[in-house]
Amino acid sequence: MGVRYSEDQDPELHVVSQSANAAAAWLRLLAGRKLRTTRYLDDEDEGLIPPYAPSTFTQIVDLLAWTRSGQVYAHWDDALTSPEWCDLPAATGELRAMHLESTA
């Protein structure tokens, strides 16, 4: 589902795919091994989510921050240099909200 929706150029469908990819990445973390996927994702260079963050867990957190703000996942540095392309304050607000939710 995630791959199908991410191939569509509709940003709303792409955000839906991000949720599926985050869930799959989380399950992969819990399982401690690669999940069975289509051949498309079996290549070492392909991942469920872009490797912008240093670990799978932080990649999931980053992806969720962008998804919760209704945006396509962006590299934080790209968001800083291209503010017209995305809403960085909304994504960082979601990141803060997730931190509060998980530490409360």
PDB file of N, CA and C in Angstrom:
ATOM      1  N   MET A   1       0.824  -1.187   0.000  1.00  0.00           N
ATOM      2  CA  MET A   1       0.000   0.000   0.000  1.00  0.00           C
ATOM      3  C   MET A   1       0.866   1.249   0.000  1.00  0.00           C
ATOM      4  N   GLY A   2       1.891   1.249   0.832  1.00  0.00           N
ATOM      5  CA  GLY A   2       2.749   2.417   0.916  1.00  0.00           C
ATOM      6  C   GLY A   2       3.436   2.727  -0.395  1.00  0.00           C
ATOM      7  N   VAL A   3       3.927   1.693  -1.062  1.00  0.00           N
ATOM      8  CA  VAL A   3       4.615   1.901  -2.334  1.00  0.00           C
ATOM      9  C   VAL A   3       3.629   2.403  -3.378  1.00  0.00           C
ATOM     10  N   ARG A   4       2.454   1.854  -3.426  1.00  0.00           N
ATOM     11  CA  ARG A   4       1.441   2.246  -4.410  1.00  0.00           C
ATOM     12  C   ARG A   4       1.074   3.712  -4.233  1.00  0.00           C
ATOM     13  N   TYR A   5       0.777   4.121  -3.021  1.00  0.00           N
ATOM     14  CA  TYR A   5       0.356   5.495  -2.793  1.00  0.00           C
ATOM     15  C   TYR A   5       1.506   6.481  -2.966  1.00  0.00           C
ATOM     16  N   SER A   6       2.718   6.073  -2.661  1.00  0.00           N
ATOM     17  CA  SER A   6       3.834   7.009  -2.801  1.00  0.00           C
ATOM     18  C   SER A   6       4.176   7.262  -4.258  1.00  0.00           C
ATOM     19  N   GLU A   7       3.793   6.347  -5.156  1.00  0.00           N
ATOM     20  CA  GLU A   7       4.052   6.538  -6.579  1.00  0.00           C
ATOM     21  C   GLU A   7       3.079   7.535  -7.194  1.00  0.00           C
ATOM     22  N   ASP A   8       1.966   7.778  -6.530  1.00  0.00           N
ATOM     23  CA  ASP A   8       0.992   8.738  -7.022  1.00  0.00           C
ATOM     24  C   ASP A   8       1.517  10.144  -6.745  1.00  0.00           C
ATOM     25  N   GLN A   9       1.218  11.079  -7.596  1.00  0.00           N
ATOM     26  CA  GLN A   9       1.707  12.442  -7.421  1.00  0.00           C
ATOM     27  C   GLN A   9       0.805  13.284  -6.525  1.00  0.00           C
ATOM     28  N   ASP A  10      -0.260  12.718  -6.021  1.00  0.00           N
ATOM     29  CA  ASP A  10      -1.170  13.433  -5.136  1.00  0.00           C
ATOM     30  C   ASP A  10      -0.566  13.497  -3.730  1.00  0.00           C
ATOM     31  N   PRO A  11      -0.264  14.689  -3.214  1.00  0.00           N
ATOM     32  CA  PRO A  11       0.361  14.792  -1.885  1.00  0.00           C
ATOM     33  C   PRO A  11      -0.468  14.150  -0.772  1.00  0.00           C
ATOM     34  N   GLU A  12      -1.795  14.207  -0.864  1.00  0.00           N
ATOM     35  CA  GLU A  12      -2.617  13.593   0.179  1.00  0.00           C
ATOM     36  C   GLU A  12      -2.440  12.079   0.207  1.00  0.00           C
ATOM     37  N   LEU A  13      -2.381  11.455  -0.960  1.00  0.00           N
ATOM     38  CA  LEU A  13      -2.153  10.007  -1.012  1.00  0.00           C
ATOM     39  C   LEU A  13      -0.739   9.673  -0.550  1.00  0.00           C
ATOM     40  N   HIS A  14       0.209  10.545  -0.850  1.00  0.00           N
ATOM     41  CA  HIS A  14       1.585  10.314  -0.417  1.00  0.00           C
ATOM     42  C   HIS A  14       1.677  10.328   1.104  1.00  0.00           C
ATOM     43  N   VAL A  15       0.928  11.206   1.754  1.00  0.00           N
ATOM     44  CA  VAL A  15       0.919  11.253   3.213  1.00  0.00           C
ATOM     45  C   VAL A  15       0.333   9.969   3.787  1.00  0.00           C
ATOM     46  N   VAL A  16      -0.685   9.407   3.123  1.00  0.00           N
ATOM     47  CA  VAL A  16      -1.242   8.118   3.548  1.00  0.00           C
ATOM     48  C   VAL A  16      -0.170   7.036   3.443  1.00  0.00           C
ATOM     49  N   SER A  17       0.607   7.056   2.376  1.00  0.00           N
ATOM     50  CA  SER A  17       1.657   6.041   2.207  1.00  0.00           C
ATOM     51  C   SER A  17       2.705   6.167   3.295  1.00  0.00           C
ATOM     52  N   GLN A  18       2.978   7.387   3.740  1.00  0.00           N
ATOM     53  CA  GLN A  18       3.953   7.581   4.811  1.00  0.00           C
ATOM     54  C   GLN A  18       3.518   6.862   6.086  1.00  0.00           C
ATOM     55  N   SER A  19       2.226   6.878   6.380  1.00  0.00           N
ATOM     56  CA  SER A  19       1.716   6.180   7.561  1.00  0.00           C
ATOM     57  C   SER A  19       1.942   4.683   7.440  1.00  0.00           C
ATOM     58  N   ALA A  20       1.684   4.135   6.258  1.00  0.00           N
ATOM     59  CA  ALA A  20       1.905   2.701   6.035  1.00  0.00           C
ATOM     60  C   ALA A  20       3.389   2.366   6.146  1.00  0.00           C
ATOM     61  N   ASN A  21       4.236   3.216   5.593  1.00  0.00           N
ATOM     62  CA  ASN A  21       5.672   2.970   5.665  1.00  0.00           C
ATOM     63  C   ASN A  21       6.191   3.080   7.090  1.00  0.00           C
ATOM     64  N   ALA A  22       5.669   4.023   7.871  1.00  0.00           N
ATOM     65  CA  ALA A  22       6.089   4.142   9.274  1.00  0.00           C
ATOM     66  C   ALA A  22       5.680   2.904  10.060  1.00  0.00           C
ATOM     67  N   ALA A  23       4.462   2.405   9.829  1.00  0.00           N
ATOM     68  CA  ALA A  23       4.005   1.195  10.517  1.00  0.00           C
ATOM     69  C   ALA A  23       4.878   0.001  10.153  1.00  0.00           C
ATOM     70  N   ALA A  24       5.216  -0.128   8.872  1.00  0.00           N
ATOM     71  CA  ALA A  24       6.065  -1.241   8.444  1.00  0.00           C
ATOM     72  C   ALA A  24       7.465  -1.128   9.039  1.00  0.00           C
ATOM     73  N   ALA A  25       8.000   0.070   9.094  1.00  0.00           N
ATOM     74  CA  ALA A  25       9.331   0.259   9.676  1.00  0.00           C
ATOM     75  C   ALA A  25       9.309  -0.055  11.167  1.00  0.00           C
ATOM     76  N   TRP A  26       8.239   0.323  11.855  1.00  0.00           N
ATOM     77  CA  TRP A  26       8.112   0.025  13.287  1.00  0.00           C
ATOM     78  C   TRP A  26       8.042  -1.479  13.513  1.00  0.00           C
ATOM     79  N   LEU A  27       7.255  -2.170  12.682  1.00  0.00           N
ATOM     80  CA  LEU A  27       7.166  -3.628  12.799  1.00  0.00           C
ATOM     81  C   LEU A  27       8.518  -4.277  12.522  1.00  0.00           C
ATOM     82  N   ARG A  28       9.254  -3.731  11.588  1.00  0.00           N
ATOM     83  CA  ARG A  28      10.589  -4.246  11.294  1.00  0.00           C
ATOM     84  C   ARG A  28      11.496  -4.085  12.503  1.00  0.00           C
ATOM     85  N   LEU A  29      11.407  -2.936  13.188  1.00  0.00           N
ATOM     86  CA  LEU A  29      12.189  -2.720  14.411  1.00  0.00           C
ATOM     87  C   LEU A  29      11.812  -3.745  15.483  1.00  0.00           C
ATOM     88  N   LEU A  30      10.509  -3.937  15.673  1.00  0.00           N
ATOM     89  CA  LEU A  30      10.049  -4.877  16.699  1.00  0.00           C
ATOM     90  C   LEU A  30      10.463  -6.312  16.383  1.00  0.00           C
ATOM     91  N   ALA A  31      10.412  -6.663  15.098  1.00  0.00           N
ATOM     92  CA  ALA A  31      10.757  -8.030  14.694  1.00  0.00           C
ATOM     93  C   ALA A  31      12.262  -8.269  14.728  1.00  0.00           C
ATOM     94  N   GLY A  32      13.034  -7.203  14.595  1.00  0.00           N
ATOM     95  CA  GLY A  32      14.478  -7.340  14.586  1.00  0.00           C
ATOM     96  C   GLY A  32      15.035  -7.932  13.306  1.00  0.00           C
ATOM     97  N   ARG A  33      14.243  -7.926  12.263  1.00  0.00           N
ATOM     98  CA  ARG A  33      14.692  -8.455  10.973  1.00  0.00           C
ATOM     99  C   ARG A  33      13.879  -7.811   9.871  1.00  0.00           C
ATOM    100  N   LYS A  34      14.344  -8.001   8.647  1.00  0.00           N
ATOM    101  CA  LYS A  34      13.629  -7.457   7.503  1.00  0.00           C
ATOM    102  C   LYS A  34      12.262  -8.131   7.377  1.00  0.00           C
ATOM    103  N   LEU A  35      11.286  -7.355   6.986  1.00  0.00           N
ATOM    104  CA  LEU A  35       9.971  -7.913   6.715  1.00  0.00           C
ATOM    105  C   LEU A  35       9.939  -8.455   5.298  1.00  0.00           C
ATOM    106  N   ARG A  36       9.049  -9.372   5.047  1.00  0.00           N
ATOM    107  CA  ARG A  36       8.862  -9.847   3.684  1.00  0.00           C
ATOM    108  C   ARG A  36       8.246  -8.703   2.886  1.00  0.00           C
ATOM    109  N   THR A  37       8.850  -8.389   1.776  1.00  0.00           N
ATOM    110  CA  THR A  37       8.358  -7.300   0.940  1.00  0.00           C
ATOM    111  C   THR A  37       8.359  -7.762  -0.504  1.00  0.00           C
ATOM    112  N   THR A  38       7.921  -6.891  -1.366  1.00  0.00           N
ATOM    113  CA  THR A  38       7.995  -7.200  -2.785  1.00  0.00           C
ATOM    114  C   THR A  38       9.456  -7.135  -3.203  1.00  0.00           C
ATOM    115  N   ARG A  39       9.744  -7.661  -4.335  1.00  0.00           N
ATOM    116  CA  ARG A  39      11.115  -7.649  -4.844  1.00  0.00           C
ATOM    117  C   ARG A  39      11.625  -6.216  -4.974  1.00  0.00           C
ATOM    118  N   TYR A  40      10.739  -5.294  -5.253  1.00  0.00           N
ATOM    119  CA  TYR A  40      11.098  -3.882  -5.407  1.00  0.00           C
ATOM    120  C   TYR A  40      11.863  -3.356  -4.189  1.00  0.00           C
ATOM    121  N   LEU A  41      11.457  -3.776  -3.000  1.00  0.00           N
ATOM    122  CA  LEU A  41      12.089  -3.280  -1.783  1.00  0.00           C
ATOM    123  C   LEU A  41      13.200  -4.184  -1.265  1.00  0.00           C
ATOM    124  N   ASP A  42      13.464  -5.299  -1.936  1.00  0.00           N
ATOM    125  CA  ASP A  42      14.512  -6.198  -1.477  1.00  0.00           C
ATOM    126  C   ASP A  42      15.915  -5.703  -1.784  1.00  0.00           C
ATOM    127  N   ASP A  43      16.027  -4.725  -2.680  1.00  0.00           N
ATOM    128  CA  ASP A  43      17.340  -4.163  -2.984  1.00  0.00           C
ATOM    129  C   ASP A  43      17.879  -3.455  -1.753  1.00  0.00           C
ATOM    130  N   GLU A  44      19.186  -3.554  -1.530  1.00  0.00           N
ATOM    131  CA  GLU A  44      19.805  -2.922  -0.369  1.00  0.00           C
ATOM    132  C   GLU A  44      19.671  -1.402  -0.400  1.00  0.00           C
ATOM    133  N   ASP A  45      19.604  -0.820  -1.592  1.00  0.00           N
ATOM    134  CA  ASP A  45      19.536   0.638  -1.713  1.00  0.00           C
ATOM    135  C   ASP A  45      18.146   1.182  -1.436  1.00  0.00           C
ATOM    136  N   GLU A  46      17.146   0.339  -1.447  1.00  0.00           N
ATOM    137  CA  GLU A  46      15.776   0.792  -1.228  1.00  0.00           C
ATOM    138  C   GLU A  46      15.377   0.556   0.223  1.00  0.00           C
ATOM    139  N   GLY A  47      14.727   1.513   0.803  1.00  0.00           N
ATOM    140  CA  GLY A  47      14.240   1.359   2.156  1.00  0.00           C
ATOM    141  C   GLY A  47      12.780   1.746   2.223  1.00  0.00           C
ATOM    142  N   LEU A  48      12.160   1.466   3.348  1.00  0.00           N
ATOM    143  CA  LEU A  48      10.757   1.841   3.503  1.00  0.00           C
ATOM    144  C   LEU A  48      10.607   3.351   3.638  1.00  0.00           C
ATOM    145  N   ILE A  49      11.564   3.987   4.277  1.00  0.00           N
ATOM    146  CA  ILE A  49      11.538   5.436   4.434  1.00  0.00           C
ATOM    147  C   ILE A  49      12.924   5.997   4.131  1.00  0.00           C
ATOM    148  N   PRO A  50      12.996   7.227   3.688  1.00  0.00           N
ATOM    149  CA  PRO A  50      14.309   7.793   3.365  1.00  0.00           C
ATOM    150  C   PRO A  50      15.213   7.850   4.592  1.00  0.00           C
ATOM    151  N   PRO A  51      16.498   7.598   4.417  1.00  0.00           N
ATOM    152  CA  PRO A  51      17.423   7.546   5.556  1.00  0.00           C
ATOM    153  C   PRO A  51      17.942   8.920   5.976  1.00  0.00           C
ATOM    154  N   TYR A  52      17.061   9.871   6.224  1.00  0.00           N
ATOM    155  CA  TYR A  52      17.501  11.208   6.612  1.00  0.00           C
ATOM    156  C   TYR A  52      18.030  11.231   8.037  1.00  0.00           C
ATOM    157  N   ALA A  53      17.467  10.457   8.912  1.00  0.00           N
ATOM    158  CA  ALA A  53      17.872  10.435  10.313  1.00  0.00           C
ATOM    159  C   ALA A  53      18.874   9.301  10.539  1.00  0.00           C
ATOM    160  N   PRO A  54      19.635   9.367  11.644  1.00  0.00           N
ATOM    161  CA  PRO A  54      20.713   8.404  11.855  1.00  0.00           C
ATOM    162  C   PRO A  54      20.286   6.972  12.205  1.00  0.00           C
ATOM    163  N   SER A  55      19.071   6.776  12.691  1.00  0.00           N
ATOM    164  CA  SER A  55      18.638   5.427  13.050  1.00  0.00           C
ATOM    165  C   SER A  55      17.226   5.181  12.533  1.00  0.00           C
ATOM    166  N   THR A  56      16.847   3.924  12.484  1.00  0.00           N
ATOM    167  CA  THR A  56      15.492   3.592  12.028  1.00  0.00           C
ATOM    168  C   THR A  56      14.449   4.240  12.926  1.00  0.00           C
ATOM    169  N   PHE A  57      14.693   4.230  14.239  1.00  0.00           N
ATOM    170  CA  PHE A  57      13.721   4.834  15.156  1.00  0.00           C
ATOM    171  C   PHE A  57      13.557   6.323  14.883  1.00  0.00           C
ATOM    172  N   THR A  58      14.666   7.051  14.737  1.00  0.00           N
ATOM    173  CA  THR A  58      14.543   8.487  14.484  1.00  0.00           C
ATOM    174  C   THR A  58      13.983   8.769  13.093  1.00  0.00           C
ATOM    175  N   GLN A  59      14.205   7.866  12.137  1.00  0.00           N
ATOM    176  CA  GLN A  59      13.573   8.013  10.825  1.00  0.00           C
ATOM    177  C   GLN A  59      12.056   7.930  10.967  1.00  0.00           C
ATOM    178  N   ILE A  60      11.589   6.995  11.784  1.00  0.00           N
ATOM    179  CA  ILE A  60      10.145   6.844  12.003  1.00  0.00           C
ATOM    180  C   ILE A  60       9.583   8.093  12.675  1.00  0.00           C
ATOM    181  N   VAL A  61      10.280   8.601  13.677  1.00  0.00           N
ATOM    182  CA  VAL A  61       9.815   9.801  14.381  1.00  0.00           C
ATOM    183  C   VAL A  61       9.750  10.983  13.418  1.00  0.00           C
ATOM    184  N   ASP A  62      10.792  11.163  12.621  1.00  0.00           N
ATOM    185  CA  ASP A  62      10.785  12.247  11.636  1.00  0.00           C
ATOM    186  C   ASP A  62       9.623  12.098  10.659  1.00  0.00           C
ATOM    187  N   LEU A  63       9.435  10.889  10.152  1.00  0.00           N
ATOM    188  CA  LEU A  63       8.354  10.631   9.210  1.00  0.00           C
ATOM    189  C   LEU A  63       7.001  10.941   9.833  1.00  0.00           C
ATOM    190  N   LEU A  64       6.813  10.549  11.081  1.00  0.00           N
ATOM    191  CA  LEU A  64       5.539  10.810  11.751  1.00  0.00           C
ATOM    192  C   LEU A  64       5.312  12.296  11.989  1.00  0.00           C
ATOM    193  N   ALA A  65       6.366  13.042  12.283  1.00  0.00           N
ATOM    194  CA  ALA A  65       6.210  14.491  12.487  1.00  0.00           C
ATOM    195  C   ALA A  65       5.682  15.156  11.222  1.00  0.00           C
ATOM    196  N   TRP A  66       6.231  14.775  10.088  1.00  0.00           N
ATOM    197  CA  TRP A  66       5.752  15.348   8.825  1.00  0.00           C
ATOM    198  C   TRP A  66       4.359  14.844   8.481  1.00  0.00           C
ATOM    199  N   THR A  67       4.108  13.556   8.728  1.00  0.00           N
ATOM    200  CA  THR A  67       2.805  12.981   8.399  1.00  0.00           C
ATOM    201  C   THR A  67       1.706  13.584   9.259  1.00  0.00           C
ATOM    202  N   ARG A  68       1.975  13.741  10.558  1.00  0.00           N
ATOM    203  CA  ARG A  68       0.970  14.317  11.452  1.00  0.00           C
ATOM    204  C   ARG A  68       0.633  15.753  11.094  1.00  0.00           C
ATOM    205  N   SER A  69       1.556  16.452  10.449  1.00  0.00           N
ATOM    206  CA  SER A  69       1.263  17.821  10.016  1.00  0.00           C
ATOM    207  C   SER A  69       0.681  17.857   8.598  1.00  0.00           C
ATOM    208  N   GLY A  70       0.396  16.652   8.041  1.00  0.00           N
ATOM    209  CA  GLY A  70      -0.259  16.558   6.739  1.00  0.00           C
ATOM    210  C   GLY A  70       0.641  16.894   5.567  1.00  0.00           C
ATOM    211  N   GLN A  71       1.946  16.654   5.729  1.00  0.00           N
ATOM    212  CA  GLN A  71       2.897  17.015   4.689  1.00  0.00           C
ATOM    213  C   GLN A  71       3.705  15.811   4.225  1.00  0.00           C
ATOM    214  N   VAL A  72       4.244  15.935   3.022  1.00  0.00           N
ATOM    215  CA  VAL A  72       5.156  14.930   2.498  1.00  0.00           C
ATOM    216  C   VAL A  72       6.467  15.051   3.264  1.00  0.00           C
ATOM    217  N   TYR A  73       7.034  13.908   3.614  1.00  0.00           N
ATOM    218  CA  TYR A  73       8.284  13.839   4.384  1.00  0.00           C
ATOM    219  C   TYR A  73       9.386  14.634   3.705  1.00  0.00           C
ATOM    220  N   ALA A  74      10.050  15.489   4.453  1.00  0.00           N
ATOM    221  CA  ALA A  74      11.132  16.311   3.908  1.00  0.00           C
ATOM    222  C   ALA A  74      12.348  16.242   4.818  1.00  0.00           C
ATOM    223  N   HIS A  75      13.497  16.357   4.231  1.00  0.00           N
ATOM    224  CA  HIS A  75      14.737  16.453   5.010  1.00  0.00           C
ATOM    225  C   HIS A  75      14.692  17.799   5.740  1.00  0.00           C
ATOM    226  N   TRP A  76      15.032  17.807   7.018  1.00  0.00           N
ATOM    227  CA  TRP A  76      14.935  19.031   7.817  1.00  0.00           C
ATOM    228  C   TRP A  76      15.768  20.158   7.221  1.00  0.00           C
ATOM    229  N   ASP A  77      16.955  19.844   6.710  1.00  0.00           N
ATOM    230  CA  ASP A  77      17.793  20.879   6.092  1.00  0.00           C
ATOM    231  C   ASP A  77      17.140  21.459   4.845  1.00  0.00           C
ATOM    232  N   ASP A  78      16.481  20.602   4.061  1.00  0.00           N
ATOM    233  CA  ASP A  78      15.773  21.094   2.876  1.00  0.00           C
ATOM    234  C   ASP A  78      14.620  21.997   3.280  1.00  0.00           C
ATOM    235  N   ALA A  79      13.960  21.659   4.370  1.00  0.00           N
ATOM    236  CA  ALA A  79      12.847  22.481   4.850  1.00  0.00           C
ATOM    237  C   ALA A  79      13.330  23.861   5.290  1.00  0.00           C
ATOM    238  N   LEU A  80      14.522  23.912   5.863  1.00  0.00           N
ATOM    239  CA  LEU A  80      15.092  25.197   6.268  1.00  0.00           C
ATOM    240  C   LEU A  80      15.446  26.064   5.070  1.00  0.00           C
ATOM    241  N   THR A  81      15.994  25.458   4.040  1.00  0.00           N
ATOM    242  CA  THR A  81      16.442  26.231   2.882  1.00  0.00           C
ATOM    243  C   THR A  81      15.328  26.515   1.881  1.00  0.00           C
ATOM    244  N   SER A  82      14.206  25.791   1.956  1.00  0.00           N
ATOM    245  CA  SER A  82      13.089  25.995   1.020  1.00  0.00           C
ATOM    246  C   SER A  82      11.770  26.107   1.782  1.00  0.00           C
ATOM    247  N   PRO A  83      11.596  27.190   2.551  1.00  0.00           N
ATOM    248  CA  PRO A  83      10.379  27.311   3.358  1.00  0.00           C
ATOM    249  C   PRO A  83       9.096  27.397   2.538  1.00  0.00           C
ATOM    250  N   GLU A  84       9.195  27.756   1.264  1.00  0.00           N
ATOM    251  CA  GLU A  84       7.996  27.832   0.431  1.00  0.00           C
ATOM    252  C   GLU A  84       7.489  26.448   0.046  1.00  0.00           C
ATOM    253  N   TRP A  85       8.334  25.434   0.190  1.00  0.00           N
ATOM    254  CA  TRP A  85       7.982  24.074  -0.225  1.00  0.00           C
ATOM    255  C   TRP A  85       7.230  23.314   0.865  1.00  0.00           C
ATOM    256  N   CYS A  86       7.477  23.668   2.135  1.00  0.00           N
ATOM    257  CA  CYS A  86       6.819  22.942   3.220  1.00  0.00           C
ATOM    258  C   CYS A  86       6.660  23.846   4.444  1.00  0.00           C
ATOM    259  N   ASP A  87       5.876  23.375   5.390  1.00  0.00           N
ATOM    260  CA  ASP A  87       5.594  24.136   6.604  1.00  0.00           C
ATOM    261  C   ASP A  87       6.427  23.564   7.746  1.00  0.00           C
ATOM    262  N   LEU A  88       7.641  24.077   7.888  1.00  0.00           N
ATOM    263  CA  LEU A  88       8.554  23.598   8.918  1.00  0.00           C
ATOM    264  C   LEU A  88       8.014  23.822  10.327  1.00  0.00           C
ATOM    265  N   PRO A  89       7.426  24.988  10.640  1.00  0.00           N
ATOM    266  CA  PRO A  89       6.883  25.172  11.989  1.00  0.00           C
ATOM    267  C   PRO A  89       5.810  24.135  12.355  1.00  0.00           C
ATOM    268  N   ALA A  90       4.994  23.742  11.392  1.00  0.00           N
ATOM    269  CA  ALA A  90       3.972  22.720  11.670  1.00  0.00           C
ATOM    270  C   ALA A  90       4.622  21.378  11.982  1.00  0.00           C
ATOM    271  N   ALA A  91       5.637  20.997  11.214  1.00  0.00           N
ATOM    272  CA  ALA A  91       6.323  19.722  11.452  1.00  0.00           C
ATOM    273  C   ALA A  91       7.060  19.722  12.787  1.00  0.00           C
ATOM    274  N   THR A  92       7.746  20.810  13.110  1.00  0.00           N
ATOM    275  CA  THR A  92       8.451  20.863  14.394  1.00  0.00           C
ATOM    276  C   THR A  92       7.466  20.931  15.554  1.00  0.00           C
ATOM    277  N   GLY A  93       6.312  21.547  15.333  1.00  0.00           N
ATOM    278  CA  GLY A  93       5.263  21.543  16.358  1.00  0.00           C
ATOM    279  C   GLY A  93       4.771  20.131  16.645  1.00  0.00           C
ATOM    280  N   GLU A  94       4.609  19.337  15.594  1.00  0.00           N
ATOM    281  CA  GLU A  94       4.204  17.938  15.777  1.00  0.00           C
ATOM    282  C   GLU A  94       5.297  17.138  16.470  1.00  0.00           C
ATOM    283  N   LEU A  95       6.540  17.443  16.163  1.00  0.00           N
ATOM    284  CA  LEU A  95       7.661  16.763  16.826  1.00  0.00           C
ATOM    285  C   LEU A  95       7.643  17.059  18.328  1.00  0.00           C
ATOM    286  N   ARG A  96       7.406  18.315  18.680  1.00  0.00           N
ATOM    287  CA  ARG A  96       7.302  18.686  20.107  1.00  0.00           C
ATOM    288  C   ARG A  96       6.111  18.006  20.773  1.00  0.00           C
ATOM    289  N   ALA A  97       4.983  17.961  20.064  1.00  0.00           N
ATOM    290  CA  ALA A  97       3.785  17.320  20.616  1.00  0.00           C
ATOM    291  C   ALA A  97       4.021  15.830  20.857  1.00  0.00           C
ATOM    292  N   MET A  98       4.707  15.165  19.929  1.00  0.00           N
ATOM    293  CA  MET A  98       5.004  13.741  20.111  1.00  0.00           C
ATOM    294  C   MET A  98       5.927  13.537  21.300  1.00  0.00           C
ATOM    295  N   HIS A  99       6.885  14.434  21.484  1.00  0.00           N
ATOM    296  CA  HIS A  99       7.791  14.340  22.630  1.00  0.00           C
ATOM    297  C   HIS A  99       7.008  14.478  23.937  1.00  0.00           C
ATOM    298  N   LEU A 100       6.123  15.451  23.988  1.00  0.00           N
ATOM    299  CA  LEU A 100       5.303  15.626  25.194  1.00  0.00           C
ATOM    300  C   LEU A 100       4.408  14.415  25.452  1.00  0.00           C
ATOM    301  N   GLU A 101       3.816  13.874  24.402  1.00  0.00           N
ATOM    302  CA  GLU A 101       2.933  12.711  24.536  1.00  0.00           C
ATOM    303  C   GLU A 101       3.699  11.488  25.044  1.00  0.00           C
ATOM    304  N   SER A 102       4.919  11.339  24.585  1.00  0.00           N
ATOM    305  CA  SER A 102       5.674  10.140  24.976  1.00  0.00           C
ATOM    306  C   SER A 102       6.373  10.275  26.325  1.00  0.00           C
ATOM    307  N   THR A 103       6.550  11.485  26.813  1.00  0.00           N
ATOM    308  CA  THR A 103       7.225  11.668  28.095  1.00  0.00           C
ATOM    309  C   THR A 103       6.280  12.026  29.236  1.00  0.00           C
ATOM    310  N   ALA A 104       5.012  12.244  28.926  1.00  0.00           N
ATOM    311  CA  ALA A 104       4.040  12.629  29.970  1.00  0.00           C
ATOM    312  C   ALA A 104       3.570  11.435  30.772  1.00  0.00           C
TER     313      ALA A 104
END
